[in-house]
Amino acid sequence: MATMEQIKELRERTGAGILDCKKALSENGDDVQKSIDWLRAKGMASAAKKAGRAAAEGLVECYIHAGGKVGVMVELNCETDFVALNESFKQLARDIAMHIVAAQPEYVRREEVPADAFEREKQVQVEKTMAEGKPQAIAEKIVVGRMSKWYEEVCLLDQKWFKDDSKTVDQVVKDLTAVIGENVQVRRFSRFVMGEGLTRRADDFAAEVAKQAGIA
């Protein structure tokens, strides 16, 4: 018979109800991981159901590359400290840090792109398209497509995953959400390059991390 601890863990990782968790454990010999897979197969646990839940736990992962010339800090959030200790979660944080070193995104998601930065890039693309002699109607569609490609260059979640370019970073994060049963979110990151000044965002991040660690 499943213990209360197993039922609680299964609820936290899937968001399923108590009765569903009990049935899943009963059907799978009280094995939590098999029960998670069973609930997912039944449509009772999915990434979409977790997206609206608070992700206030997690970790800050650091990756240093090129003999100390390039470094990244990334904050990856989840819902419980239990999942923050999960090896798959920690591996994803490390991989995302490595991806950021290689792909050099500027923002986590599209919503973070400043309006002036968007308008500036759009104007560049409009002028470029018009210089190519495209008709107005076609030019507008071309600009929309080019702005979408621009998002793929500057927004982390829109970028092709460095380990598998058939997926975006967003899809990789959602894949882990579905597996571990908790809302997983990339909150922020900072990329440091030797000889380059810190951006304000990086400066704020570093100061906050230092404060939380009690060394500021």
N, C-alpha and C. Protein backbone atom coordinates (compact mmCIF):
# COMPACT_ATOMS: atom_id res chain seq x y z
N MET A 1 0.84 -1.20 0.00
CA MET A 1 0.00 0.00 0.00
C MET A 1 0.88 1.25 0.00
N ALA A 2 0.50 2.22 -0.80
CA ALA A 2 1.28 3.45 -0.91
C ALA A 2 1.25 4.23 0.40
N THR A 3 2.37 4.86 0.72
CA THR A 3 2.45 5.68 1.91
C THR A 3 1.97 7.10 1.60
N MET A 4 1.70 7.87 2.65
CA MET A 4 1.28 9.26 2.47
C MET A 4 2.39 10.08 1.82
N GLU A 5 3.65 9.73 2.14
CA GLU A 5 4.78 10.44 1.54
C GLU A 5 4.82 10.22 0.03
N GLN A 6 4.55 8.99 -0.42
CA GLN A 6 4.54 8.70 -1.85
C GLN A 6 3.40 9.43 -2.55
N ILE A 7 2.24 9.47 -1.90
CA ILE A 7 1.09 10.17 -2.49
C ILE A 7 1.39 11.66 -2.59
N LYS A 8 1.97 12.22 -1.53
CA LYS A 8 2.31 13.65 -1.52
C LYS A 8 3.31 13.98 -2.62
N GLU A 9 4.35 13.14 -2.75
CA GLU A 9 5.36 13.37 -3.78
C GLU A 9 4.74 13.31 -5.17
N LEU A 10 3.88 12.33 -5.38
CA LEU A 10 3.25 12.17 -6.69
C LEU A 10 2.35 13.37 -7.01
N ARG A 11 1.63 13.85 -6.01
CA ARG A 11 0.77 15.03 -6.22
C ARG A 11 1.61 16.25 -6.58
N GLU A 12 2.74 16.44 -5.85
CA GLU A 12 3.60 17.60 -6.10
C GLU A 12 4.22 17.55 -7.48
N ARG A 13 4.53 16.35 -7.96
CA ARG A 13 5.22 16.22 -9.23
C ARG A 13 4.29 16.15 -10.44
N THR A 14 3.00 15.91 -10.18
CA THR A 14 2.08 15.79 -11.32
C THR A 14 0.90 16.76 -11.27
N GLY A 15 0.54 17.23 -10.06
CA GLY A 15 -0.64 18.07 -9.94
C GLY A 15 -1.94 17.29 -9.98
N ALA A 16 -1.84 15.96 -10.00
CA ALA A 16 -3.04 15.11 -10.03
C ALA A 16 -3.70 15.07 -8.66
N GLY A 17 -4.99 14.71 -8.63
CA GLY A 17 -5.73 14.63 -7.38
C GLY A 17 -5.29 13.44 -6.53
N ILE A 18 -5.71 13.46 -5.25
CA ILE A 18 -5.30 12.40 -4.31
C ILE A 18 -5.77 11.03 -4.78
N LEU A 19 -7.03 10.93 -5.18
CA LEU A 19 -7.57 9.63 -5.60
C LEU A 19 -6.85 9.11 -6.84
N ASP A 20 -6.54 10.04 -7.78
CA ASP A 20 -5.81 9.63 -8.99
C ASP A 20 -4.41 9.15 -8.63
N CYS A 21 -3.79 9.84 -7.68
CA CYS A 21 -2.44 9.44 -7.26
C CYS A 21 -2.47 8.06 -6.59
N LYS A 22 -3.46 7.85 -5.75
CA LYS A 22 -3.59 6.55 -5.09
C LYS A 22 -3.79 5.43 -6.11
N LYS A 23 -4.64 5.70 -7.09
CA LYS A 23 -4.90 4.68 -8.12
C LYS A 23 -3.65 4.42 -8.95
N ALA A 24 -2.93 5.49 -9.29
CA ALA A 24 -1.72 5.34 -10.09
C ALA A 24 -0.68 4.49 -9.35
N LEU A 25 -0.51 4.75 -8.07
CA LEU A 25 0.45 3.98 -7.28
C LEU A 25 0.01 2.53 -7.15
N SER A 26 -1.29 2.32 -6.95
CA SER A 26 -1.83 0.97 -6.83
C SER A 26 -1.62 0.18 -8.12
N GLU A 27 -1.80 0.85 -9.27
CA GLU A 27 -1.67 0.20 -10.57
C GLU A 27 -0.21 -0.07 -10.94
N ASN A 28 0.72 0.60 -10.25
CA ASN A 28 2.14 0.51 -10.63
C ASN A 28 3.04 0.08 -9.49
N GLY A 29 2.48 -0.74 -8.59
CA GLY A 29 3.29 -1.32 -7.53
C GLY A 29 3.93 -0.30 -6.62
N ASP A 30 3.28 0.83 -6.43
CA ASP A 30 3.78 1.91 -5.55
C ASP A 30 5.09 2.52 -6.05
N ASP A 31 5.37 2.37 -7.33
CA ASP A 31 6.57 2.98 -7.93
C ASP A 31 6.18 4.39 -8.40
N VAL A 32 6.82 5.41 -7.82
CA VAL A 32 6.45 6.79 -8.11
C VAL A 32 6.71 7.16 -9.56
N GLN A 33 7.89 6.82 -10.10
CA GLN A 33 8.20 7.19 -11.47
C GLN A 33 7.27 6.51 -12.47
N LYS A 34 6.97 5.24 -12.24
CA LYS A 34 6.04 4.55 -13.13
C LYS A 34 4.64 5.16 -13.01
N SER A 35 4.31 5.61 -11.82
CA SER A 35 3.01 6.23 -11.60
C SER A 35 2.91 7.56 -12.33
N ILE A 36 4.02 8.32 -12.37
CA ILE A 36 4.04 9.57 -13.12
C ILE A 36 3.79 9.30 -14.59
N ASP A 37 4.48 8.29 -15.13
CA ASP A 37 4.29 7.93 -16.55
C ASP A 37 2.86 7.49 -16.80
N TRP A 38 2.30 6.76 -15.86
CA TRP A 38 0.92 6.28 -15.99
C TRP A 38 -0.05 7.46 -16.03
N LEU A 39 0.13 8.42 -15.14
CA LEU A 39 -0.73 9.60 -15.10
C LEU A 39 -0.58 10.42 -16.37
N ARG A 40 0.65 10.54 -16.86
CA ARG A 40 0.87 11.28 -18.11
C ARG A 40 0.15 10.60 -19.26
N ALA A 41 0.23 9.28 -19.31
CA ALA A 41 -0.43 8.53 -20.38
C ALA A 41 -1.95 8.70 -20.32
N LYS A 42 -2.47 8.87 -19.11
CA LYS A 42 -3.92 9.06 -18.93
C LYS A 42 -4.34 10.51 -19.12
N GLY A 43 -3.34 11.38 -19.37
CA GLY A 43 -3.65 12.79 -19.57
C GLY A 43 -3.91 13.54 -18.28
N MET A 44 -3.47 12.99 -17.15
CA MET A 44 -3.70 13.63 -15.86
C MET A 44 -2.52 14.47 -15.41
N ALA A 45 -1.42 14.40 -16.14
CA ALA A 45 -0.23 15.20 -15.81
C ALA A 45 0.37 15.67 -17.12
N SER A 46 0.54 16.96 -17.27
CA SER A 46 1.11 17.49 -18.50
C SER A 46 1.80 18.81 -18.24
N ALA A 47 2.67 19.20 -19.15
CA ALA A 47 3.39 20.47 -19.00
C ALA A 47 2.41 21.63 -18.97
N ALA A 48 1.35 21.55 -19.77
CA ALA A 48 0.41 22.66 -19.85
C ALA A 48 -0.27 22.92 -18.51
N LYS A 49 -0.55 21.86 -17.75
CA LYS A 49 -1.22 22.03 -16.48
C LYS A 49 -0.30 22.65 -15.43
N LYS A 50 1.01 22.57 -15.65
CA LYS A 50 1.94 23.10 -14.66
C LYS A 50 2.32 24.55 -14.93
N ALA A 51 2.04 25.03 -16.14
CA ALA A 51 2.58 26.32 -16.57
C ALA A 51 2.13 27.48 -15.69
N GLY A 52 0.94 27.39 -15.12
CA GLY A 52 0.45 28.50 -14.33
C GLY A 52 0.83 28.44 -12.87
N ARG A 53 1.51 27.40 -12.44
CA ARG A 53 1.85 27.25 -11.04
C ARG A 53 3.14 27.98 -10.70
N ALA A 54 3.23 28.44 -9.47
CA ALA A 54 4.39 29.22 -9.04
C ALA A 54 5.65 28.37 -9.04
N ALA A 55 6.72 28.94 -9.58
CA ALA A 55 8.02 28.26 -9.59
C ALA A 55 8.98 29.14 -8.80
N ALA A 56 9.05 28.91 -7.48
CA ALA A 56 9.83 29.77 -6.61
C ALA A 56 11.09 29.11 -6.08
N GLU A 57 11.28 27.84 -6.40
CA GLU A 57 12.49 27.13 -6.01
C GLU A 57 13.40 26.99 -7.23
N GLY A 58 14.51 26.31 -7.07
CA GLY A 58 15.41 26.10 -8.20
C GLY A 58 16.85 26.30 -7.82
N LEU A 59 17.65 26.71 -8.79
CA LEU A 59 19.07 26.92 -8.53
C LEU A 59 19.67 27.90 -9.52
N VAL A 60 20.83 28.43 -9.14
CA VAL A 60 21.64 29.26 -10.03
C VAL A 60 22.83 28.42 -10.46
N GLU A 61 22.97 28.22 -11.75
CA GLU A 61 24.06 27.41 -12.30
C GLU A 61 25.08 28.32 -12.97
N CYS A 62 26.35 28.02 -12.80
CA CYS A 62 27.42 28.79 -13.43
C CYS A 62 28.22 27.88 -14.36
N TYR A 63 28.64 28.44 -15.47
CA TYR A 63 29.49 27.71 -16.41
C TYR A 63 30.58 28.65 -16.91
N ILE A 64 31.82 28.19 -16.80
CA ILE A 64 32.97 28.98 -17.25
C ILE A 64 33.61 28.28 -18.43
N HIS A 65 33.91 29.04 -19.47
CA HIS A 65 34.42 28.47 -20.72
C HIS A 65 35.68 29.21 -21.17
N ALA A 66 36.41 28.59 -22.06
CA ALA A 66 37.57 29.20 -22.74
C ALA A 66 38.62 29.70 -21.76
N GLY A 67 38.98 28.84 -20.82
CA GLY A 67 40.04 29.21 -19.90
C GLY A 67 39.71 30.39 -19.02
N GLY A 68 38.45 30.51 -18.66
CA GLY A 68 38.03 31.61 -17.80
C GLY A 68 37.74 32.90 -18.53
N LYS A 69 37.64 32.86 -19.85
CA LYS A 69 37.39 34.08 -20.63
C LYS A 69 35.91 34.38 -20.80
N VAL A 70 35.07 33.37 -20.70
CA VAL A 70 33.63 33.54 -20.87
C VAL A 70 32.91 32.78 -19.76
N GLY A 71 31.91 33.40 -19.17
CA GLY A 71 31.15 32.73 -18.12
C GLY A 71 29.68 33.10 -18.18
N VAL A 72 28.86 32.20 -17.65
CA VAL A 72 27.41 32.40 -17.64
C VAL A 72 26.85 32.02 -16.28
N MET A 73 25.90 32.81 -15.78
CA MET A 73 25.06 32.45 -14.64
C MET A 73 23.63 32.39 -15.15
N VAL A 74 22.94 31.32 -14.81
CA VAL A 74 21.54 31.19 -15.22
C VAL A 74 20.72 30.72 -14.03
N GLU A 75 19.55 31.30 -13.87
CA GLU A 75 18.63 30.88 -12.81
C GLU A 75 17.51 30.06 -13.43
N LEU A 76 17.40 28.80 -12.99
CA LEU A 76 16.35 27.90 -13.46
C LEU A 76 15.44 27.61 -12.28
N ASN A 77 14.16 27.85 -12.45
CA ASN A 77 13.20 27.70 -11.36
C ASN A 77 12.33 26.46 -11.51
N CYS A 78 11.89 25.95 -10.36
CA CYS A 78 10.92 24.86 -10.30
C CYS A 78 10.01 25.16 -9.10
N GLU A 79 9.16 24.21 -8.75
CA GLU A 79 8.18 24.47 -7.69
C GLU A 79 8.64 24.03 -6.31
N THR A 80 9.49 22.99 -6.23
CA THR A 80 9.90 22.46 -4.93
C THR A 80 11.41 22.27 -4.88
N ASP A 81 11.95 22.33 -3.65
CA ASP A 81 13.38 22.09 -3.50
C ASP A 81 13.73 20.64 -3.79
N PHE A 82 12.73 19.74 -3.68
CA PHE A 82 12.93 18.34 -4.02
C PHE A 82 13.36 18.19 -5.48
N VAL A 83 12.65 18.88 -6.36
CA VAL A 83 12.98 18.82 -7.78
C VAL A 83 14.28 19.56 -8.08
N ALA A 84 14.56 20.63 -7.32
CA ALA A 84 15.80 21.38 -7.53
C ALA A 84 17.03 20.50 -7.32
N LEU A 85 16.87 19.42 -6.56
CA LEU A 85 17.97 18.48 -6.31
C LEU A 85 17.99 17.34 -7.32
N ASN A 86 16.97 17.29 -8.17
CA ASN A 86 16.88 16.23 -9.18
C ASN A 86 18.02 16.38 -10.20
N GLU A 87 18.68 15.29 -10.52
CA GLU A 87 19.84 15.34 -11.40
C GLU A 87 19.47 15.81 -12.80
N SER A 88 18.29 15.45 -13.29
CA SER A 88 17.86 15.90 -14.62
C SER A 88 17.67 17.41 -14.64
N PHE A 89 17.13 17.94 -13.53
CA PHE A 89 16.93 19.39 -13.43
C PHE A 89 18.28 20.10 -13.41
N LYS A 90 19.21 19.59 -12.60
CA LYS A 90 20.53 20.21 -12.52
C LYS A 90 21.27 20.11 -13.85
N GLN A 91 21.10 18.99 -14.55
CA GLN A 91 21.76 18.83 -15.84
C GLN A 91 21.22 19.82 -16.86
N LEU A 92 19.89 20.06 -16.83
CA LEU A 92 19.31 21.03 -17.75
C LEU A 92 19.87 22.43 -17.47
N ALA A 93 20.01 22.77 -16.20
CA ALA A 93 20.57 24.09 -15.85
C ALA A 93 21.99 24.23 -16.40
N ARG A 94 22.79 23.18 -16.26
CA ARG A 94 24.17 23.22 -16.79
C ARG A 94 24.16 23.34 -18.31
N ASP A 95 23.28 22.57 -18.95
CA ASP A 95 23.21 22.60 -20.41
C ASP A 95 22.76 23.96 -20.93
N ILE A 96 21.79 24.57 -20.23
CA ILE A 96 21.32 25.89 -20.66
C ILE A 96 22.44 26.91 -20.53
N ALA A 97 23.22 26.81 -19.45
CA ALA A 97 24.36 27.72 -19.28
C ALA A 97 25.36 27.56 -20.42
N MET A 98 25.63 26.32 -20.81
CA MET A 98 26.54 26.06 -21.93
C MET A 98 25.95 26.61 -23.23
N HIS A 99 24.65 26.42 -23.41
CA HIS A 99 23.97 26.93 -24.61
C HIS A 99 24.13 28.44 -24.70
N ILE A 100 23.95 29.12 -23.58
CA ILE A 100 24.04 30.58 -23.58
C ILE A 100 25.44 31.05 -23.96
N VAL A 101 26.45 30.34 -23.48
CA VAL A 101 27.82 30.67 -23.87
C VAL A 101 27.97 30.60 -25.38
N ALA A 102 27.42 29.56 -25.97
CA ALA A 102 27.60 29.33 -27.41
C ALA A 102 26.69 30.22 -28.26
N ALA A 103 25.43 30.35 -27.87
CA ALA A 103 24.44 31.01 -28.73
C ALA A 103 24.30 32.51 -28.47
N GLN A 104 24.77 32.99 -27.35
CA GLN A 104 24.80 34.42 -27.03
C GLN A 104 23.44 35.12 -27.13
N PRO A 105 22.40 34.60 -26.52
CA PRO A 105 21.12 35.31 -26.52
C PRO A 105 21.23 36.60 -25.70
N GLU A 106 20.31 37.51 -25.93
CA GLU A 106 20.28 38.76 -25.18
C GLU A 106 19.14 38.81 -24.16
N TYR A 107 18.09 38.04 -24.43
CA TYR A 107 16.92 38.03 -23.55
C TYR A 107 16.46 36.60 -23.35
N VAL A 108 15.67 36.38 -22.30
CA VAL A 108 15.13 35.03 -22.07
C VAL A 108 13.98 34.77 -23.03
N ARG A 109 13.03 35.70 -23.10
CA ARG A 109 11.81 35.50 -23.90
C ARG A 109 11.43 36.78 -24.65
N ARG A 110 10.55 36.66 -25.60
CA ARG A 110 10.17 37.79 -26.44
C ARG A 110 9.60 38.96 -25.63
N GLU A 111 8.88 38.65 -24.57
CA GLU A 111 8.24 39.70 -23.77
C GLU A 111 9.26 40.63 -23.12
N GLU A 112 10.51 40.20 -23.02
CA GLU A 112 11.54 41.01 -22.38
C GLU A 112 12.22 41.97 -23.35
N VAL A 113 11.98 41.81 -24.64
CA VAL A 113 12.64 42.68 -25.62
C VAL A 113 12.06 44.09 -25.50
N PRO A 114 12.89 45.10 -25.25
CA PRO A 114 12.40 46.48 -25.15
C PRO A 114 11.75 46.93 -26.46
N ALA A 115 10.72 47.74 -26.34
CA ALA A 115 10.01 48.20 -27.52
C ALA A 115 10.92 48.96 -28.48
N ASP A 116 11.85 49.76 -27.92
CA ASP A 116 12.72 50.53 -28.80
C ASP A 116 13.68 49.63 -29.57
N ALA A 117 14.13 48.54 -28.92
CA ALA A 117 15.02 47.60 -29.61
C ALA A 117 14.28 46.90 -30.74
N PHE A 118 13.03 46.54 -30.49
CA PHE A 118 12.21 45.89 -31.52
C PHE A 118 11.99 46.84 -32.70
N GLU A 119 11.61 48.08 -32.41
CA GLU A 119 11.32 49.04 -33.47
C GLU A 119 12.57 49.37 -34.27
N ARG A 120 13.71 49.44 -33.59
CA ARG A 120 14.96 49.73 -34.29
C ARG A 120 15.31 48.62 -35.27
N GLU A 121 15.16 47.36 -34.82
CA GLU A 121 15.46 46.23 -35.70
C GLU A 121 14.43 46.15 -36.83
N LYS A 122 13.17 46.43 -36.52
CA LYS A 122 12.13 46.39 -37.55
C LYS A 122 12.41 47.41 -38.64
N GLN A 123 12.85 48.60 -38.24
CA GLN A 123 13.15 49.63 -39.22
C GLN A 123 14.29 49.22 -40.13
N VAL A 124 15.29 48.58 -39.54
CA VAL A 124 16.42 48.07 -40.34
C VAL A 124 15.93 47.08 -41.38
N GLN A 125 15.05 46.17 -40.96
CA GLN A 125 14.54 45.15 -41.87
C GLN A 125 13.63 45.74 -42.93
N VAL A 126 12.85 46.76 -42.56
CA VAL A 126 11.99 47.43 -43.54
C VAL A 126 12.84 48.08 -44.63
N GLU A 127 13.86 48.82 -44.21
CA GLU A 127 14.73 49.50 -45.17
C GLU A 127 15.48 48.49 -46.04
N LYS A 128 15.91 47.42 -45.45
CA LYS A 128 16.62 46.38 -46.20
C LYS A 128 15.71 45.76 -47.25
N THR A 129 14.48 45.46 -46.85
CA THR A 129 13.52 44.83 -47.76
C THR A 129 13.12 45.76 -48.90
N MET A 130 12.89 47.03 -48.58
CA MET A 130 12.52 48.00 -49.61
C MET A 130 13.66 48.22 -50.60
N ALA A 131 14.90 48.17 -50.08
CA ALA A 131 16.07 48.34 -50.95
C ALA A 131 16.20 47.20 -51.94
N GLU A 132 15.58 46.06 -51.60
CA GLU A 132 15.62 44.90 -52.49
C GLU A 132 14.57 45.02 -53.60
N GLY A 133 13.78 46.09 -53.54
CA GLY A 133 12.79 46.33 -54.58
C GLY A 133 11.54 45.50 -54.48
N LYS A 134 11.22 45.02 -53.28
CA LYS A 134 10.02 44.20 -53.13
C LYS A 134 8.76 45.08 -53.11
N PRO A 135 7.65 44.61 -53.67
CA PRO A 135 6.39 45.34 -53.59
C PRO A 135 5.97 45.49 -52.12
N GLN A 136 5.24 46.54 -51.80
CA GLN A 136 4.88 46.85 -50.43
C GLN A 136 4.21 45.67 -49.72
N ALA A 137 3.22 45.06 -50.38
CA ALA A 137 2.47 43.96 -49.75
C ALA A 137 3.38 42.79 -49.42
N ILE A 138 4.28 42.46 -50.33
CA ILE A 138 5.21 41.35 -50.11
C ILE A 138 6.25 41.74 -49.08
N ALA A 139 6.69 43.00 -49.14
CA ALA A 139 7.72 43.47 -48.21
C ALA A 139 7.26 43.34 -46.76
N GLU A 140 6.00 43.64 -46.50
CA GLU A 140 5.47 43.56 -45.14
C GLU A 140 5.54 42.13 -44.61
N LYS A 141 5.20 41.17 -45.47
CA LYS A 141 5.26 39.76 -45.06
C LYS A 141 6.70 39.32 -44.83
N ILE A 142 7.60 39.80 -45.67
CA ILE A 142 9.00 39.45 -45.52
C ILE A 142 9.55 39.99 -44.20
N VAL A 143 9.17 41.21 -43.85
CA VAL A 143 9.63 41.81 -42.59
C VAL A 143 9.13 41.01 -41.40
N VAL A 144 7.89 40.56 -41.44
CA VAL A 144 7.35 39.74 -40.35
C VAL A 144 8.19 38.48 -40.17
N GLY A 145 8.52 37.84 -41.29
CA GLY A 145 9.34 36.63 -41.23
C GLY A 145 10.74 36.91 -40.71
N ARG A 146 11.32 38.03 -41.12
CA ARG A 146 12.67 38.37 -40.68
C ARG A 146 12.70 38.75 -39.21
N MET A 147 11.63 39.37 -38.72
CA MET A 147 11.57 39.70 -37.30
C MET A 147 11.44 38.43 -36.46
N SER A 148 10.74 37.44 -37.00
CA SER A 148 10.64 36.16 -36.30
C SER A 148 12.01 35.50 -36.21
N LYS A 149 12.78 35.59 -37.29
CA LYS A 149 14.14 35.05 -37.30
C LYS A 149 15.03 35.81 -36.31
N TRP A 150 14.79 37.11 -36.21
CA TRP A 150 15.56 37.92 -35.27
C TRP A 150 15.30 37.48 -33.84
N TYR A 151 14.04 37.19 -33.53
CA TYR A 151 13.71 36.68 -32.20
C TYR A 151 14.48 35.38 -31.92
N GLU A 152 14.63 34.55 -32.94
CA GLU A 152 15.36 33.30 -32.77
C GLU A 152 16.84 33.54 -32.47
N GLU A 153 17.32 34.69 -32.87
CA GLU A 153 18.72 35.02 -32.61
C GLU A 153 18.92 35.60 -31.22
N VAL A 154 17.99 36.44 -30.76
CA VAL A 154 18.23 37.20 -29.53
C VAL A 154 17.50 36.66 -28.30
N CYS A 155 16.49 35.81 -28.48
CA CYS A 155 15.71 35.30 -27.35
C CYS A 155 16.05 33.83 -27.08
N LEU A 156 16.49 33.57 -25.87
CA LEU A 156 16.93 32.23 -25.50
C LEU A 156 15.90 31.16 -25.82
N LEU A 157 14.66 31.35 -25.39
CA LEU A 157 13.65 30.31 -25.56
C LEU A 157 13.29 30.05 -27.01
N ASP A 158 13.55 31.01 -27.89
CA ASP A 158 13.26 30.84 -29.31
C ASP A 158 14.42 30.19 -30.07
N GLN A 159 15.58 30.11 -29.45
CA GLN A 159 16.76 29.60 -30.15
C GLN A 159 16.71 28.08 -30.34
N LYS A 160 17.38 27.61 -31.38
CA LYS A 160 17.52 26.18 -31.60
C LYS A 160 18.45 25.61 -30.52
N TRP A 161 18.05 24.50 -29.95
CA TRP A 161 18.82 23.87 -28.88
C TRP A 161 20.18 23.41 -29.39
N PHE A 162 21.23 23.75 -28.67
CA PHE A 162 22.57 23.48 -29.18
C PHE A 162 22.89 21.99 -29.27
N LYS A 163 22.14 21.17 -28.56
CA LYS A 163 22.36 19.72 -28.63
C LYS A 163 21.48 19.04 -29.67
N ASP A 164 20.42 19.72 -30.09
CA ASP A 164 19.47 19.12 -31.04
C ASP A 164 18.69 20.25 -31.70
N ASP A 165 19.11 20.65 -32.89
CA ASP A 165 18.49 21.81 -33.53
C ASP A 165 17.09 21.55 -34.09
N SER A 166 16.57 20.35 -33.85
CA SER A 166 15.18 20.09 -34.23
C SER A 166 14.23 20.61 -33.15
N LYS A 167 14.80 21.04 -32.02
CA LYS A 167 14.02 21.57 -30.91
C LYS A 167 14.47 22.97 -30.56
N THR A 168 13.56 23.75 -29.97
CA THR A 168 13.95 25.04 -29.40
C THR A 168 14.27 24.84 -27.92
N VAL A 169 14.89 25.83 -27.32
CA VAL A 169 15.17 25.77 -25.88
C VAL A 169 13.85 25.66 -25.12
N ASP A 170 12.83 26.39 -25.56
CA ASP A 170 11.52 26.33 -24.92
C ASP A 170 10.97 24.92 -24.92
N GLN A 171 11.12 24.21 -26.03
CA GLN A 171 10.61 22.84 -26.11
C GLN A 171 11.37 21.92 -25.17
N VAL A 172 12.67 22.13 -25.04
CA VAL A 172 13.48 21.30 -24.14
C VAL A 172 13.04 21.51 -22.69
N VAL A 173 12.78 22.77 -22.32
CA VAL A 173 12.31 23.07 -20.96
C VAL A 173 10.95 22.42 -20.72
N LYS A 174 10.06 22.50 -21.70
CA LYS A 174 8.74 21.91 -21.55
C LYS A 174 8.81 20.38 -21.49
N ASP A 175 9.77 19.79 -22.19
CA ASP A 175 9.95 18.35 -22.12
C ASP A 175 10.29 17.92 -20.69
N LEU A 176 11.16 18.68 -20.03
CA LEU A 176 11.52 18.34 -18.65
C LEU A 176 10.33 18.58 -17.72
N THR A 177 9.56 19.63 -17.98
CA THR A 177 8.36 19.90 -17.19
C THR A 177 7.43 18.70 -17.22
N ALA A 178 7.25 18.12 -18.40
CA ALA A 178 6.37 16.97 -18.55
C ALA A 178 6.91 15.75 -17.82
N VAL A 179 8.22 15.60 -17.81
CA VAL A 179 8.85 14.43 -17.19
C VAL A 179 8.81 14.50 -15.67
N ILE A 180 9.20 15.65 -15.10
CA ILE A 180 9.31 15.74 -13.64
C ILE A 180 8.02 16.19 -12.98
N GLY A 181 7.07 16.69 -13.78
CA GLY A 181 5.77 17.03 -13.22
C GLY A 181 5.69 18.35 -12.50
N GLU A 182 6.65 19.25 -12.74
CA GLU A 182 6.60 20.57 -12.12
C GLU A 182 6.83 21.65 -13.18
N ASN A 183 6.34 22.83 -12.88
CA ASN A 183 6.57 23.97 -13.75
C ASN A 183 8.05 24.34 -13.69
N VAL A 184 8.72 24.29 -14.82
CA VAL A 184 10.14 24.66 -14.92
C VAL A 184 10.25 25.91 -15.78
N GLN A 185 10.96 26.91 -15.28
CA GLN A 185 11.06 28.18 -15.98
C GLN A 185 12.49 28.71 -15.92
N VAL A 186 12.98 29.21 -17.06
CA VAL A 186 14.24 29.96 -17.05
C VAL A 186 13.88 31.37 -16.64
N ARG A 187 14.40 31.82 -15.50
CA ARG A 187 14.02 33.15 -15.03
C ARG A 187 14.91 34.23 -15.63
N ARG A 188 16.22 34.04 -15.60
CA ARG A 188 17.13 35.08 -16.07
C ARG A 188 18.52 34.48 -16.24
N PHE A 189 19.37 35.23 -16.91
CA PHE A 189 20.75 34.80 -17.09
C PHE A 189 21.64 36.02 -17.27
N SER A 190 22.92 35.81 -17.09
CA SER A 190 23.93 36.84 -17.38
C SER A 190 25.11 36.17 -18.04
N ARG A 191 25.63 36.81 -19.07
CA ARG A 191 26.78 36.29 -19.80
C ARG A 191 27.93 37.28 -19.65
N PHE A 192 29.07 36.80 -19.17
CA PHE A 192 30.23 37.64 -18.92
C PHE A 192 31.35 37.28 -19.89
N VAL A 193 31.95 38.28 -20.50
CA VAL A 193 33.08 38.07 -21.41
C VAL A 193 34.24 38.94 -20.94
N MET A 194 35.40 38.33 -20.79
CA MET A 194 36.57 39.05 -20.34
C MET A 194 36.83 40.28 -21.22
N GLY A 195 36.99 41.44 -20.58
CA GLY A 195 37.29 42.66 -21.32
C GLY A 195 36.07 43.46 -21.71
N GLU A 196 34.87 42.86 -21.54
CA GLU A 196 33.64 43.58 -21.85
C GLU A 196 32.98 44.02 -20.56
N GLY A 197 32.39 45.21 -20.55
CA GLY A 197 31.71 45.69 -19.36
C GLY A 197 30.45 44.91 -19.10
N LEU A 198 30.05 44.85 -17.83
CA LEU A 198 28.81 44.20 -17.47
C LEU A 198 27.63 45.01 -17.97
N THR A 199 26.61 44.33 -18.46
CA THR A 199 25.37 45.03 -18.75
C THR A 199 24.70 45.34 -17.42
N ARG A 200 23.76 46.27 -17.43
CA ARG A 200 23.07 46.60 -16.18
C ARG A 200 22.36 45.39 -15.63
N ARG A 201 21.78 44.60 -16.53
CA ARG A 201 21.06 43.41 -16.10
C ARG A 201 22.00 42.43 -15.41
N ALA A 202 23.18 42.24 -15.96
CA ALA A 202 24.15 41.33 -15.37
C ALA A 202 24.62 41.86 -14.03
N ASP A 203 24.82 43.17 -13.94
CA ASP A 203 25.27 43.79 -12.70
C ASP A 203 24.24 43.58 -11.60
N ASP A 204 22.97 43.78 -11.93
CA ASP A 204 21.91 43.58 -10.95
C ASP A 204 21.85 42.13 -10.49
N PHE A 205 21.98 41.21 -11.44
CA PHE A 205 21.91 39.78 -11.13
C PHE A 205 23.05 39.40 -10.19
N ALA A 206 24.28 39.82 -10.53
CA ALA A 206 25.42 39.49 -9.71
C ALA A 206 25.28 40.05 -8.31
N ALA A 207 24.78 41.29 -8.19
CA ALA A 207 24.60 41.91 -6.88
C ALA A 207 23.57 41.17 -6.05
N GLU A 208 22.47 40.74 -6.71
CA GLU A 208 21.43 40.04 -5.98
C GLU A 208 21.89 38.67 -5.52
N VAL A 209 22.62 37.96 -6.38
CA VAL A 209 23.14 36.64 -5.99
C VAL A 209 24.08 36.78 -4.81
N ALA A 210 24.95 37.80 -4.86
CA ALA A 210 25.90 38.03 -3.77
C ALA A 210 25.16 38.33 -2.46
N LYS A 211 24.09 39.12 -2.56
CA LYS A 211 23.30 39.49 -1.38
C LYS A 211 22.65 38.26 -0.78
N GLN A 212 22.07 37.41 -1.62
CA GLN A 212 21.41 36.21 -1.15
C GLN A 212 22.39 35.24 -0.51
N ALA A 213 23.63 35.27 -1.02
CA ALA A 213 24.65 34.37 -0.48
C ALA A 213 25.30 34.93 0.77
N GLY A 214 24.95 36.18 1.13
CA GLY A 214 25.48 36.79 2.33
C GLY A 214 26.90 37.31 2.20
N ILE A 215 27.32 37.63 0.94
CA ILE A 215 28.67 38.09 0.75
C ILE A 215 28.70 39.52 0.23
N ALA A 216 27.55 40.16 0.14
CA ALA A 216 27.50 41.54 -0.33
C ALA A 216 27.55 42.51 0.84
